[in-house]
Amino acid sequence: MSNDVPAEFADALADLRGRGARPGVHVEEIAAPVRVAPYSVALSGEVTADAAGDDDAPVATGRFVVLHDPAGQESWQGTFRIVTLVRATLEPEMATDPLLADVAWSWIPECLDLAGLRPGTDALAEGGTVTRVLSKSFGALADTPDAVDLELRASWTPVDTRLGAHLQAWTALLSTAAGVPPLPIGVTALTRRFTDRPQRPHTVGP
């Protein structure tokens, strides 16, 4: 870890701290990747079922990683890159929904817009994948309900160091995947559930 970081990265961290996460999402700092870029910070997020009167098992989890290379990287179209992951447990009937992947991907621009960010203007070079996994049990475990997991990986390039809004977009994405109200306007819910706590980002030096 190093405190000798570029002013641009320090400004980005300050904005992350200043804006914070969406209420109802438990976010904490985790070890950040050190080989992808000279500077990075990583947060993990979790939405649990207890707000729906259920248990506290996580129904949506994820990671929010900020990469910074002062020299820039061609594929990023900038000096920063935000890399996100969201995993959520869905209702079993969603496994056969042919529009599931399209709906899940539509959450990206909707949550960015909710945070006051315009895809293609404030967030560039968006890309990612949507994966769903159906787990069906057999034999002695045949009575176990089917489980459907959604994995959404997305990355984009912020145009400036005001990254707090991007963090809020990602935590809105976590909440949306978990189906926890209140939902962003126009976002489709699949499940219900969630929790709450603040975050504290940190820097990782080269």
N, C-alpha and C. Protein backbone atom coordinates (compact mmCIF):
# COMPACT_ATOMS: atom_id res chain seq x y z
N MET A 1 0.85 -1.19 0.00
CA MET A 1 0.00 0.00 0.00
C MET A 1 0.88 1.23 0.00
N SER A 2 0.43 2.28 -0.73
CA SER A 2 1.24 3.48 -0.81
C SER A 2 0.35 4.71 -0.74
N ASN A 3 0.83 5.74 -0.03
CA ASN A 3 0.11 7.00 0.01
C ASN A 3 0.59 7.94 -1.08
N ASP A 4 1.68 7.55 -1.79
CA ASP A 4 2.24 8.37 -2.85
C ASP A 4 1.49 8.07 -4.14
N VAL A 5 0.30 8.64 -4.29
CA VAL A 5 -0.55 8.36 -5.44
C VAL A 5 -0.77 9.63 -6.24
N PRO A 6 -1.08 9.52 -7.51
CA PRO A 6 -1.35 10.71 -8.33
C PRO A 6 -2.52 11.51 -7.78
N ALA A 7 -2.48 12.80 -7.99
CA ALA A 7 -3.55 13.67 -7.50
C ALA A 7 -4.90 13.27 -8.09
N GLU A 8 -4.90 12.82 -9.34
CA GLU A 8 -6.15 12.42 -10.00
C GLU A 8 -6.78 11.23 -9.28
N PHE A 9 -5.96 10.27 -8.88
CA PHE A 9 -6.47 9.10 -8.16
C PHE A 9 -6.93 9.49 -6.77
N ALA A 10 -6.18 10.37 -6.11
CA ALA A 10 -6.58 10.84 -4.79
C ALA A 10 -7.93 11.57 -4.86
N ASP A 11 -8.14 12.36 -5.91
CA ASP A 11 -9.42 13.04 -6.07
C ASP A 11 -10.55 12.05 -6.26
N ALA A 12 -10.29 10.99 -7.01
CA ALA A 12 -11.31 9.96 -7.24
C ALA A 12 -11.69 9.27 -5.94
N LEU A 13 -10.69 8.96 -5.10
CA LEU A 13 -10.96 8.32 -3.82
C LEU A 13 -11.76 9.25 -2.90
N ALA A 14 -11.42 10.52 -2.92
CA ALA A 14 -12.14 11.49 -2.09
C ALA A 14 -13.60 11.56 -2.50
N ASP A 15 -13.87 11.49 -3.79
CA ASP A 15 -15.25 11.54 -4.25
C ASP A 15 -16.00 10.27 -3.88
N LEU A 16 -15.32 9.13 -3.91
CA LEU A 16 -15.94 7.88 -3.46
C LEU A 16 -16.37 7.98 -2.01
N ARG A 17 -15.47 8.51 -1.19
CA ARG A 17 -15.78 8.65 0.23
C ARG A 17 -16.91 9.65 0.44
N GLY A 18 -16.91 10.72 -0.35
CA GLY A 18 -17.88 11.78 -0.14
C GLY A 18 -19.30 11.40 -0.53
N ARG A 19 -19.45 10.56 -1.57
CA ARG A 19 -20.79 10.24 -2.05
C ARG A 19 -21.37 9.02 -1.35
N GLY A 20 -20.55 8.02 -1.07
CA GLY A 20 -21.02 6.84 -0.36
C GLY A 20 -21.89 5.93 -1.22
N ALA A 21 -22.39 4.86 -0.58
CA ALA A 21 -23.17 3.84 -1.27
C ALA A 21 -24.66 4.11 -1.13
N ARG A 22 -25.44 3.45 -1.93
CA ARG A 22 -26.90 3.50 -1.83
C ARG A 22 -27.32 2.95 -0.47
N PRO A 23 -28.24 3.61 0.24
CA PRO A 23 -28.72 3.08 1.52
C PRO A 23 -29.29 1.68 1.35
N GLY A 24 -29.00 0.82 2.33
CA GLY A 24 -29.53 -0.54 2.29
C GLY A 24 -28.56 -1.55 1.72
N VAL A 25 -27.37 -1.11 1.32
CA VAL A 25 -26.37 -2.03 0.79
C VAL A 25 -25.15 -2.03 1.71
N HIS A 26 -24.75 -3.17 2.12
CA HIS A 26 -23.56 -3.32 2.97
C HIS A 26 -22.33 -3.35 2.06
N VAL A 27 -21.49 -2.34 2.16
CA VAL A 27 -20.30 -2.23 1.32
C VAL A 27 -19.06 -2.11 2.20
N GLU A 28 -18.01 -2.83 1.84
CA GLU A 28 -16.75 -2.74 2.59
C GLU A 28 -15.57 -2.90 1.65
N GLU A 29 -14.43 -2.41 2.09
CA GLU A 29 -13.23 -2.50 1.27
C GLU A 29 -12.65 -3.91 1.29
N ILE A 30 -12.06 -4.31 0.18
CA ILE A 30 -11.40 -5.60 0.06
C ILE A 30 -10.07 -5.37 -0.66
N ALA A 31 -9.26 -6.42 -0.70
CA ALA A 31 -7.98 -6.31 -1.40
C ALA A 31 -8.23 -6.05 -2.88
N ALA A 32 -7.49 -5.10 -3.42
CA ALA A 32 -7.67 -4.72 -4.83
C ALA A 32 -6.62 -5.41 -5.69
N PRO A 33 -6.92 -5.62 -6.96
CA PRO A 33 -5.92 -6.21 -7.87
C PRO A 33 -4.73 -5.28 -8.02
N VAL A 34 -3.55 -5.86 -8.13
CA VAL A 34 -2.33 -5.04 -8.19
C VAL A 34 -1.58 -5.17 -9.51
N ARG A 35 -2.00 -6.07 -10.38
CA ARG A 35 -1.26 -6.29 -11.62
C ARG A 35 -1.94 -5.72 -12.85
N VAL A 36 -3.21 -5.38 -12.73
CA VAL A 36 -3.95 -4.89 -13.89
C VAL A 36 -3.65 -3.43 -14.18
N ALA A 37 -3.42 -2.65 -13.12
CA ALA A 37 -3.14 -1.23 -13.26
C ALA A 37 -2.25 -0.79 -12.10
N PRO A 38 -1.50 0.31 -12.28
CA PRO A 38 -0.61 0.77 -11.20
C PRO A 38 -1.34 1.13 -9.91
N TYR A 39 -2.57 1.61 -10.01
CA TYR A 39 -3.32 2.00 -8.83
C TYR A 39 -4.72 1.41 -8.91
N SER A 40 -5.26 0.99 -7.78
CA SER A 40 -6.59 0.40 -7.78
C SER A 40 -7.21 0.45 -6.40
N VAL A 41 -8.50 0.35 -6.36
CA VAL A 41 -9.25 0.24 -5.13
C VAL A 41 -10.42 -0.70 -5.40
N ALA A 42 -10.79 -1.50 -4.41
CA ALA A 42 -11.86 -2.48 -4.60
C ALA A 42 -12.79 -2.48 -3.39
N LEU A 43 -14.07 -2.62 -3.66
CA LEU A 43 -15.11 -2.73 -2.64
C LEU A 43 -15.95 -3.95 -2.93
N SER A 44 -16.47 -4.56 -1.88
CA SER A 44 -17.44 -5.63 -2.04
C SER A 44 -18.78 -5.14 -1.52
N GLY A 45 -19.85 -5.65 -2.09
CA GLY A 45 -21.19 -5.25 -1.67
C GLY A 45 -22.07 -6.45 -1.44
N GLU A 46 -23.06 -6.26 -0.58
CA GLU A 46 -23.96 -7.36 -0.25
C GLU A 46 -25.36 -6.84 0.06
N VAL A 47 -26.35 -7.53 -0.47
CA VAL A 47 -27.75 -7.25 -0.17
C VAL A 47 -28.33 -8.54 0.40
N THR A 48 -28.92 -8.49 1.58
CA THR A 48 -29.42 -9.70 2.22
C THR A 48 -30.94 -9.72 2.29
N ALA A 49 -31.47 -10.86 2.76
CA ALA A 49 -32.91 -11.07 2.77
C ALA A 49 -33.60 -10.55 4.01
N ASP A 50 -32.90 -10.04 5.01
CA ASP A 50 -33.54 -9.73 6.28
C ASP A 50 -34.52 -8.57 6.18
N ALA A 51 -34.35 -7.66 5.24
CA ALA A 51 -35.29 -6.55 5.12
C ALA A 51 -36.65 -7.02 4.62
N ALA A 52 -36.69 -8.20 4.02
CA ALA A 52 -37.95 -8.75 3.55
C ALA A 52 -38.56 -9.67 4.60
N GLY A 53 -38.01 -9.65 5.82
CA GLY A 53 -38.53 -10.48 6.89
C GLY A 53 -38.07 -11.92 6.80
N ASP A 54 -37.04 -12.14 6.02
CA ASP A 54 -36.51 -13.49 5.85
C ASP A 54 -35.28 -13.64 6.72
N ASP A 55 -34.21 -14.29 6.22
CA ASP A 55 -32.98 -14.42 6.99
C ASP A 55 -31.95 -13.44 6.48
N ASP A 56 -30.71 -13.57 6.99
CA ASP A 56 -29.69 -12.61 6.57
C ASP A 56 -28.73 -13.18 5.54
N ALA A 57 -29.15 -14.25 4.86
CA ALA A 57 -28.31 -14.81 3.81
C ALA A 57 -28.28 -13.84 2.63
N PRO A 58 -27.11 -13.63 2.04
CA PRO A 58 -27.03 -12.69 0.92
C PRO A 58 -27.78 -13.20 -0.30
N VAL A 59 -28.58 -12.36 -0.92
CA VAL A 59 -29.26 -12.71 -2.16
C VAL A 59 -28.67 -11.97 -3.35
N ALA A 60 -27.83 -11.00 -3.08
CA ALA A 60 -27.09 -10.31 -4.14
C ALA A 60 -25.76 -9.88 -3.57
N THR A 61 -24.71 -10.19 -4.27
CA THR A 61 -23.35 -9.81 -3.85
C THR A 61 -22.61 -9.27 -5.07
N GLY A 62 -21.51 -8.59 -4.81
CA GLY A 62 -20.75 -8.10 -5.95
C GLY A 62 -19.47 -7.40 -5.56
N ARG A 63 -18.79 -6.91 -6.60
CA ARG A 63 -17.53 -6.19 -6.42
C ARG A 63 -17.54 -4.94 -7.29
N PHE A 64 -16.88 -3.91 -6.79
CA PHE A 64 -16.73 -2.65 -7.51
C PHE A 64 -15.25 -2.32 -7.47
N VAL A 65 -14.60 -2.32 -8.62
CA VAL A 65 -13.15 -2.11 -8.70
C VAL A 65 -12.86 -0.89 -9.57
N VAL A 66 -12.02 -0.02 -9.06
CA VAL A 66 -11.56 1.14 -9.83
C VAL A 66 -10.09 0.93 -10.16
N LEU A 67 -9.78 0.96 -11.44
CA LEU A 67 -8.40 0.84 -11.92
C LEU A 67 -7.94 2.19 -12.44
N HIS A 68 -6.69 2.54 -12.17
CA HIS A 68 -6.15 3.81 -12.66
C HIS A 68 -4.75 3.61 -13.19
N ASP A 69 -4.56 4.00 -14.43
CA ASP A 69 -3.25 3.98 -15.07
C ASP A 69 -3.01 5.39 -15.61
N PRO A 70 -2.10 6.15 -14.97
CA PRO A 70 -1.86 7.53 -15.41
C PRO A 70 -1.49 7.64 -16.89
N ALA A 71 -0.91 6.58 -17.45
CA ALA A 71 -0.53 6.59 -18.86
C ALA A 71 -1.71 6.24 -19.77
N GLY A 72 -2.78 5.76 -19.18
CA GLY A 72 -3.94 5.37 -19.96
C GLY A 72 -3.76 4.01 -20.61
N GLN A 73 -4.87 3.39 -21.00
CA GLN A 73 -4.84 2.14 -21.73
C GLN A 73 -5.81 2.27 -22.89
N GLU A 74 -5.38 1.85 -24.07
CA GLU A 74 -6.15 2.10 -25.29
C GLU A 74 -7.57 1.56 -25.20
N SER A 75 -7.74 0.35 -24.66
CA SER A 75 -9.06 -0.26 -24.60
C SER A 75 -9.99 0.47 -23.63
N TRP A 76 -9.42 1.20 -22.67
CA TRP A 76 -10.23 1.94 -21.71
C TRP A 76 -10.79 3.23 -22.29
N GLN A 77 -10.07 3.82 -23.22
CA GLN A 77 -10.41 5.16 -23.73
C GLN A 77 -10.30 6.20 -22.61
N GLY A 78 -9.33 6.02 -21.72
CA GLY A 78 -9.13 6.94 -20.61
C GLY A 78 -8.09 6.41 -19.65
N THR A 79 -7.96 7.07 -18.50
CA THR A 79 -6.97 6.65 -17.50
C THR A 79 -7.60 5.88 -16.34
N PHE A 80 -8.93 5.82 -16.30
CA PHE A 80 -9.64 5.06 -15.28
C PHE A 80 -10.48 3.97 -15.95
N ARG A 81 -10.74 2.91 -15.20
CA ARG A 81 -11.68 1.89 -15.66
C ARG A 81 -12.41 1.34 -14.44
N ILE A 82 -13.72 1.27 -14.52
CA ILE A 82 -14.53 0.69 -13.46
C ILE A 82 -14.94 -0.71 -13.90
N VAL A 83 -14.67 -1.69 -13.04
CA VAL A 83 -15.00 -3.09 -13.33
C VAL A 83 -15.94 -3.58 -12.24
N THR A 84 -17.10 -4.07 -12.62
CA THR A 84 -18.09 -4.46 -11.62
C THR A 84 -18.56 -5.90 -11.83
N LEU A 85 -19.04 -6.46 -10.73
CA LEU A 85 -19.63 -7.80 -10.73
C LEU A 85 -20.84 -7.78 -9.83
N VAL A 86 -21.93 -8.40 -10.27
CA VAL A 86 -23.13 -8.57 -9.45
C VAL A 86 -23.59 -10.01 -9.60
N ARG A 87 -23.80 -10.68 -8.48
CA ARG A 87 -24.39 -12.03 -8.47
C ARG A 87 -25.66 -12.00 -7.63
N ALA A 88 -26.73 -12.60 -8.15
CA ALA A 88 -28.01 -12.57 -7.44
C ALA A 88 -28.71 -13.90 -7.54
N THR A 89 -29.46 -14.25 -6.50
CA THR A 89 -30.31 -15.44 -6.50
C THR A 89 -31.70 -15.03 -6.94
N LEU A 90 -32.21 -15.71 -7.96
CA LEU A 90 -33.50 -15.36 -8.54
C LEU A 90 -34.55 -16.43 -8.24
N GLU A 91 -35.79 -16.10 -8.57
CA GLU A 91 -36.85 -17.09 -8.48
C GLU A 91 -36.64 -18.13 -9.57
N PRO A 92 -36.89 -19.45 -9.28
CA PRO A 92 -36.62 -20.51 -10.26
C PRO A 92 -37.29 -20.31 -11.61
N GLU A 93 -38.49 -19.74 -11.65
CA GLU A 93 -39.18 -19.58 -12.92
C GLU A 93 -38.45 -18.64 -13.88
N MET A 94 -37.52 -17.83 -13.34
CA MET A 94 -36.79 -16.91 -14.20
C MET A 94 -35.78 -17.63 -15.08
N ALA A 95 -35.46 -18.88 -14.75
CA ALA A 95 -34.43 -19.61 -15.50
C ALA A 95 -34.79 -19.77 -16.96
N THR A 96 -36.08 -19.87 -17.27
CA THR A 96 -36.49 -20.10 -18.65
C THR A 96 -36.94 -18.83 -19.36
N ASP A 97 -36.83 -17.69 -18.70
CA ASP A 97 -37.24 -16.44 -19.31
C ASP A 97 -36.25 -16.07 -20.41
N PRO A 98 -36.68 -16.04 -21.68
CA PRO A 98 -35.75 -15.76 -22.77
C PRO A 98 -35.21 -14.33 -22.76
N LEU A 99 -35.89 -13.44 -22.02
CA LEU A 99 -35.47 -12.04 -21.99
C LEU A 99 -34.64 -11.70 -20.75
N LEU A 100 -34.34 -12.70 -19.94
CA LEU A 100 -33.63 -12.43 -18.69
C LEU A 100 -32.33 -11.68 -18.91
N ALA A 101 -31.51 -12.15 -19.82
CA ALA A 101 -30.21 -11.50 -20.05
C ALA A 101 -30.38 -10.07 -20.53
N ASP A 102 -31.34 -9.86 -21.43
CA ASP A 102 -31.57 -8.50 -21.95
C ASP A 102 -32.07 -7.57 -20.86
N VAL A 103 -32.98 -8.07 -20.01
CA VAL A 103 -33.49 -7.25 -18.92
C VAL A 103 -32.36 -6.90 -17.96
N ALA A 104 -31.54 -7.91 -17.59
CA ALA A 104 -30.44 -7.67 -16.66
C ALA A 104 -29.46 -6.66 -17.21
N TRP A 105 -29.14 -6.76 -18.50
CA TRP A 105 -28.19 -5.80 -19.08
C TRP A 105 -28.78 -4.41 -19.15
N SER A 106 -30.10 -4.31 -19.31
CA SER A 106 -30.73 -2.99 -19.37
C SER A 106 -30.62 -2.24 -18.04
N TRP A 107 -30.35 -2.98 -16.96
CA TRP A 107 -30.17 -2.32 -15.66
C TRP A 107 -28.95 -1.40 -15.66
N ILE A 108 -27.92 -1.72 -16.46
CA ILE A 108 -26.70 -0.91 -16.46
C ILE A 108 -26.99 0.54 -16.84
N PRO A 109 -27.52 0.80 -18.03
CA PRO A 109 -27.80 2.21 -18.37
C PRO A 109 -28.85 2.84 -17.45
N GLU A 110 -29.83 2.05 -16.98
CA GLU A 110 -30.87 2.61 -16.13
C GLU A 110 -30.30 3.05 -14.77
N CYS A 111 -29.40 2.24 -14.21
CA CYS A 111 -28.81 2.59 -12.91
C CYS A 111 -27.81 3.72 -13.06
N LEU A 112 -27.09 3.77 -14.18
CA LEU A 112 -26.21 4.90 -14.44
C LEU A 112 -27.03 6.18 -14.54
N ASP A 113 -28.15 6.10 -15.25
CA ASP A 113 -29.01 7.27 -15.40
C ASP A 113 -29.59 7.70 -14.06
N LEU A 114 -29.94 6.72 -13.22
CA LEU A 114 -30.47 7.02 -11.89
C LEU A 114 -29.46 7.82 -11.07
N ALA A 115 -28.16 7.53 -11.28
CA ALA A 115 -27.10 8.23 -10.54
C ALA A 115 -26.68 9.53 -11.23
N GLY A 116 -27.40 9.92 -12.26
CA GLY A 116 -27.09 11.17 -12.95
C GLY A 116 -25.99 11.03 -13.99
N LEU A 117 -25.74 9.81 -14.45
CA LEU A 117 -24.69 9.56 -15.44
C LEU A 117 -25.30 9.15 -16.77
N ARG A 118 -24.75 9.66 -17.86
CA ARG A 118 -25.27 9.35 -19.19
C ARG A 118 -24.36 8.35 -19.89
N PRO A 119 -24.87 7.14 -20.17
CA PRO A 119 -24.07 6.17 -20.91
C PRO A 119 -23.63 6.75 -22.25
N GLY A 120 -22.36 6.56 -22.58
CA GLY A 120 -21.83 7.10 -23.82
C GLY A 120 -21.31 8.51 -23.69
N THR A 121 -21.64 9.18 -22.58
CA THR A 121 -21.15 10.54 -22.34
C THR A 121 -20.35 10.61 -21.04
N ASP A 122 -20.95 10.16 -19.93
CA ASP A 122 -20.25 10.12 -18.64
C ASP A 122 -19.61 8.76 -18.38
N ALA A 123 -20.06 7.74 -19.10
CA ALA A 123 -19.53 6.39 -18.98
C ALA A 123 -19.29 5.86 -20.39
N LEU A 124 -18.02 5.59 -20.72
CA LEU A 124 -17.64 5.21 -22.07
C LEU A 124 -17.26 3.74 -22.15
N ALA A 125 -17.32 3.23 -23.38
CA ALA A 125 -16.84 1.88 -23.69
C ALA A 125 -17.42 0.82 -22.77
N GLU A 126 -18.74 0.88 -22.55
CA GLU A 126 -19.38 -0.12 -21.70
C GLU A 126 -19.32 -1.50 -22.36
N GLY A 127 -19.10 -2.50 -21.53
CA GLY A 127 -19.08 -3.87 -22.02
C GLY A 127 -19.30 -4.84 -20.89
N GLY A 128 -19.70 -6.05 -21.22
CA GLY A 128 -19.89 -7.03 -20.15
C GLY A 128 -20.65 -8.25 -20.61
N THR A 129 -21.00 -9.09 -19.66
CA THR A 129 -21.71 -10.34 -19.94
C THR A 129 -22.77 -10.58 -18.89
N VAL A 130 -23.80 -11.33 -19.27
CA VAL A 130 -24.83 -11.79 -18.35
C VAL A 130 -24.88 -13.30 -18.43
N THR A 131 -24.74 -13.96 -17.27
CA THR A 131 -24.75 -15.42 -17.21
C THR A 131 -25.79 -15.88 -16.19
N ARG A 132 -26.54 -16.92 -16.53
CA ARG A 132 -27.47 -17.50 -15.56
C ARG A 132 -27.15 -18.97 -15.38
N VAL A 133 -27.27 -19.44 -14.14
CA VAL A 133 -26.95 -20.83 -13.80
C VAL A 133 -28.13 -21.42 -13.06
N LEU A 134 -28.64 -22.57 -13.56
CA LEU A 134 -29.72 -23.28 -12.89
C LEU A 134 -29.14 -24.47 -12.15
N SER A 135 -29.38 -24.54 -10.85
CA SER A 135 -28.90 -25.65 -10.03
C SER A 135 -30.09 -26.53 -9.65
N LYS A 136 -30.07 -27.78 -10.08
CA LYS A 136 -31.15 -28.72 -9.79
C LYS A 136 -30.57 -29.88 -9.01
N SER A 137 -31.23 -30.26 -7.91
CA SER A 137 -30.71 -31.30 -7.02
C SER A 137 -31.37 -32.64 -7.31
N PHE A 138 -30.62 -33.73 -7.06
CA PHE A 138 -31.11 -35.09 -7.32
C PHE A 138 -30.81 -36.00 -6.15
N GLY A 139 -31.34 -37.23 -6.19
CA GLY A 139 -31.07 -38.23 -5.17
C GLY A 139 -31.53 -37.78 -3.80
N ALA A 140 -30.62 -37.90 -2.82
CA ALA A 140 -30.95 -37.54 -1.45
C ALA A 140 -31.27 -36.07 -1.31
N LEU A 141 -30.87 -35.26 -2.29
CA LEU A 141 -31.12 -33.82 -2.23
C LEU A 141 -32.27 -33.40 -3.15
N ALA A 142 -33.07 -34.36 -3.61
CA ALA A 142 -34.11 -34.08 -4.59
C ALA A 142 -35.15 -33.09 -4.08
N ASP A 143 -35.34 -33.01 -2.76
CA ASP A 143 -36.33 -32.09 -2.20
C ASP A 143 -35.83 -30.66 -2.12
N THR A 144 -34.56 -30.45 -2.41
CA THR A 144 -34.01 -29.10 -2.38
C THR A 144 -34.56 -28.29 -3.54
N PRO A 145 -35.11 -27.12 -3.28
CA PRO A 145 -35.68 -26.31 -4.37
C PRO A 145 -34.62 -25.95 -5.41
N ASP A 146 -35.07 -25.85 -6.65
CA ASP A 146 -34.16 -25.40 -7.70
C ASP A 146 -33.67 -23.99 -7.38
N ALA A 147 -32.46 -23.68 -7.79
CA ALA A 147 -31.88 -22.36 -7.55
C ALA A 147 -31.40 -21.77 -8.86
N VAL A 148 -31.66 -20.51 -9.05
CA VAL A 148 -31.20 -19.81 -10.25
C VAL A 148 -30.31 -18.65 -9.82
N ASP A 149 -29.11 -18.61 -10.34
CA ASP A 149 -28.18 -17.53 -10.03
C ASP A 149 -27.88 -16.73 -11.29
N LEU A 150 -27.88 -15.43 -11.13
CA LEU A 150 -27.56 -14.52 -12.22
C LEU A 150 -26.21 -13.88 -11.93
N GLU A 151 -25.35 -13.83 -12.94
CA GLU A 151 -24.06 -13.15 -12.80
C GLU A 151 -23.96 -12.10 -13.88
N LEU A 152 -23.78 -10.87 -13.45
CA LEU A 152 -23.68 -9.73 -14.35
C LEU A 152 -22.31 -9.09 -14.18
N ARG A 153 -21.52 -9.12 -15.24
CA ARG A 153 -20.20 -8.48 -15.24
C ARG A 153 -20.24 -7.31 -16.21
N ALA A 154 -19.83 -6.15 -15.72
CA ALA A 154 -19.86 -4.97 -16.57
C ALA A 154 -18.69 -4.05 -16.24
N SER A 155 -18.18 -3.38 -17.25
CA SER A 155 -17.10 -2.41 -17.04
C SER A 155 -17.35 -1.21 -17.94
N TRP A 156 -16.86 -0.08 -17.51
CA TRP A 156 -16.98 1.14 -18.29
C TRP A 156 -15.91 2.13 -17.84
N THR A 157 -15.73 3.18 -18.63
CA THR A 157 -14.71 4.19 -18.35
C THR A 157 -15.37 5.50 -17.93
N PRO A 158 -15.11 5.98 -16.72
CA PRO A 158 -15.63 7.29 -16.30
C PRO A 158 -14.84 8.38 -17.00
N VAL A 159 -15.50 9.50 -17.27
CA VAL A 159 -14.81 10.57 -18.01
C VAL A 159 -14.07 11.52 -17.09
N ASP A 160 -14.31 11.43 -15.77
CA ASP A 160 -13.61 12.29 -14.84
C ASP A 160 -13.46 11.57 -13.50
N THR A 161 -13.00 12.27 -12.49
CA THR A 161 -12.71 11.64 -11.19
C THR A 161 -13.90 11.63 -10.24
N ARG A 162 -15.06 12.07 -10.70
CA ARG A 162 -16.26 12.07 -9.84
C ARG A 162 -16.85 10.67 -9.81
N LEU A 163 -16.20 9.78 -9.05
CA LEU A 163 -16.57 8.37 -9.08
C LEU A 163 -17.66 8.00 -8.08
N GLY A 164 -18.02 8.93 -7.19
CA GLY A 164 -19.07 8.63 -6.22
C GLY A 164 -20.37 8.26 -6.89
N ALA A 165 -20.70 8.94 -7.98
CA ALA A 165 -21.93 8.64 -8.71
C ALA A 165 -21.88 7.24 -9.33
N HIS A 166 -20.70 6.82 -9.77
CA HIS A 166 -20.55 5.48 -10.34
C HIS A 166 -20.74 4.42 -9.26
N LEU A 167 -20.24 4.70 -8.05
CA LEU A 167 -20.46 3.79 -6.94
C LEU A 167 -21.95 3.68 -6.63
N GLN A 168 -22.65 4.81 -6.65
CA GLN A 168 -24.08 4.78 -6.38
C GLN A 168 -24.83 4.02 -7.46
N ALA A 169 -24.38 4.13 -8.71
CA ALA A 169 -25.01 3.37 -9.79
C ALA A 169 -24.83 1.88 -9.57
N TRP A 170 -23.63 1.47 -9.13
CA TRP A 170 -23.39 0.05 -8.89
C TRP A 170 -24.20 -0.48 -7.71
N THR A 171 -24.31 0.30 -6.62
CA THR A 171 -25.09 -0.18 -5.49
C THR A 171 -26.58 -0.21 -5.83
N ALA A 172 -27.02 0.69 -6.72
CA ALA A 172 -28.40 0.61 -7.22
C ALA A 172 -28.58 -0.66 -8.04
N LEU A 173 -27.55 -1.03 -8.78
CA LEU A 173 -27.58 -2.26 -9.56
C LEU A 173 -27.70 -3.49 -8.65
N LEU A 174 -26.95 -3.49 -7.56
CA LEU A 174 -27.05 -4.58 -6.59
C LEU A 174 -28.47 -4.69 -6.04
N SER A 175 -29.03 -3.57 -5.65
CA SER A 175 -30.38 -3.56 -5.09
C SER A 175 -31.40 -4.01 -6.12
N THR A 176 -31.23 -3.58 -7.35
CA THR A 176 -32.15 -3.96 -8.41
C THR A 176 -32.11 -5.46 -8.65
N ALA A 177 -30.91 -6.03 -8.67
CA ALA A 177 -30.78 -7.47 -8.87
C ALA A 177 -31.44 -8.25 -7.74
N ALA A 178 -31.38 -7.68 -6.53
CA ALA A 178 -32.01 -8.34 -5.38
C ALA A 178 -33.50 -8.06 -5.32
N GLY A 179 -33.98 -7.10 -6.11
CA GLY A 179 -35.39 -6.78 -6.14
C GLY A 179 -35.88 -6.07 -4.90
N VAL A 180 -35.03 -5.26 -4.31
CA VAL A 180 -35.38 -4.59 -3.06
C VAL A 180 -35.95 -3.20 -3.35
N PRO A 181 -37.15 -2.90 -2.85
CA PRO A 181 -37.71 -1.55 -3.04
C PRO A 181 -37.04 -0.55 -2.11
N PRO A 182 -36.99 0.76 -2.38
CA PRO A 182 -37.55 1.32 -3.62
C PRO A 182 -36.63 1.11 -4.80
N LEU A 183 -37.19 0.75 -5.94
CA LEU A 183 -36.40 0.48 -7.13
C LEU A 183 -36.27 1.73 -7.99
N PRO A 184 -35.22 1.82 -8.79
CA PRO A 184 -35.11 2.93 -9.73
C PRO A 184 -36.30 2.93 -10.68
N ILE A 185 -36.74 4.10 -11.10
CA ILE A 185 -37.87 4.19 -12.02
C ILE A 185 -37.54 3.47 -13.32
N GLY A 186 -38.46 2.60 -13.76
CA GLY A 186 -38.29 1.91 -15.03
C GLY A 186 -37.47 0.64 -14.95
N VAL A 187 -36.99 0.26 -13.76
CA VAL A 187 -36.16 -0.94 -13.62
C VAL A 187 -37.05 -2.10 -13.22
N THR A 188 -36.88 -3.23 -13.89
CA THR A 188 -37.69 -4.42 -13.62
C THR A 188 -37.14 -5.20 -12.44
N ALA A 189 -38.01 -5.57 -11.50
CA ALA A 189 -37.60 -6.35 -10.34
C ALA A 189 -37.78 -7.83 -10.60
N LEU A 190 -36.87 -8.64 -10.06
CA LEU A 190 -36.99 -10.09 -10.18
C LEU A 190 -37.21 -10.76 -8.83
N THR A 191 -36.57 -10.26 -7.78
CA THR A 191 -36.74 -10.84 -6.46
C THR A 191 -36.86 -9.73 -5.44
N ARG A 192 -37.07 -10.09 -4.15
CA ARG A 192 -37.07 -9.09 -3.09
C ARG A 192 -36.00 -9.47 -2.09
N ARG A 193 -35.46 -8.49 -1.43
CA ARG A 193 -34.53 -8.76 -0.34
C ARG A 193 -33.45 -7.69 -0.12
N PHE A 194 -32.63 -7.65 1.29
CA PHE A 194 -31.45 -6.74 1.51
C PHE A 194 -30.84 -6.37 2.87
N THR A 195 -29.59 -5.25 3.14
CA THR A 195 -29.03 -4.79 4.45
C THR A 195 -28.35 -3.42 4.36
N ASP A 196 -27.57 -3.07 5.36
CA ASP A 196 -27.11 -1.68 5.36
C ASP A 196 -25.80 -1.52 6.13
N ARG A 197 -24.88 -0.72 5.56
CA ARG A 197 -23.65 -0.34 6.24
C ARG A 197 -22.79 0.54 5.37
N PRO A 198 -21.92 1.38 5.98
CA PRO A 198 -21.12 2.28 5.17
C PRO A 198 -19.89 1.62 4.56
N GLN A 199 -19.22 2.30 3.68
CA GLN A 199 -18.02 1.79 3.04
C GLN A 199 -16.85 2.72 3.29
N ARG A 200 -15.65 2.18 3.14
CA ARG A 200 -14.45 3.01 3.29
C ARG A 200 -13.40 2.51 2.30
N PRO A 201 -13.25 3.16 1.15
CA PRO A 201 -12.30 2.70 0.16
C PRO A 201 -10.86 2.93 0.60
N HIS A 202 -9.92 2.22 -0.03
CA HIS A 202 -8.51 2.40 0.28
C HIS A 202 -7.71 2.33 -1.00
N THR A 203 -6.47 2.75 -0.93
CA THR A 203 -5.63 2.74 -2.12
C THR A 203 -4.66 1.58 -2.08
N VAL A 204 -4.29 1.13 -3.26
CA VAL A 204 -3.27 0.11 -3.40
C VAL A 204 -2.24 0.66 -4.37
N GLY A 205 -1.03 0.74 -3.93
CA GLY A 205 0.02 1.35 -4.75
C GLY A 205 0.59 0.38 -5.76
N PRO A 206 1.50 0.84 -6.59
CA PRO A 206 2.08 -0.01 -7.62
C PRO A 206 2.99 -1.05 -7.03
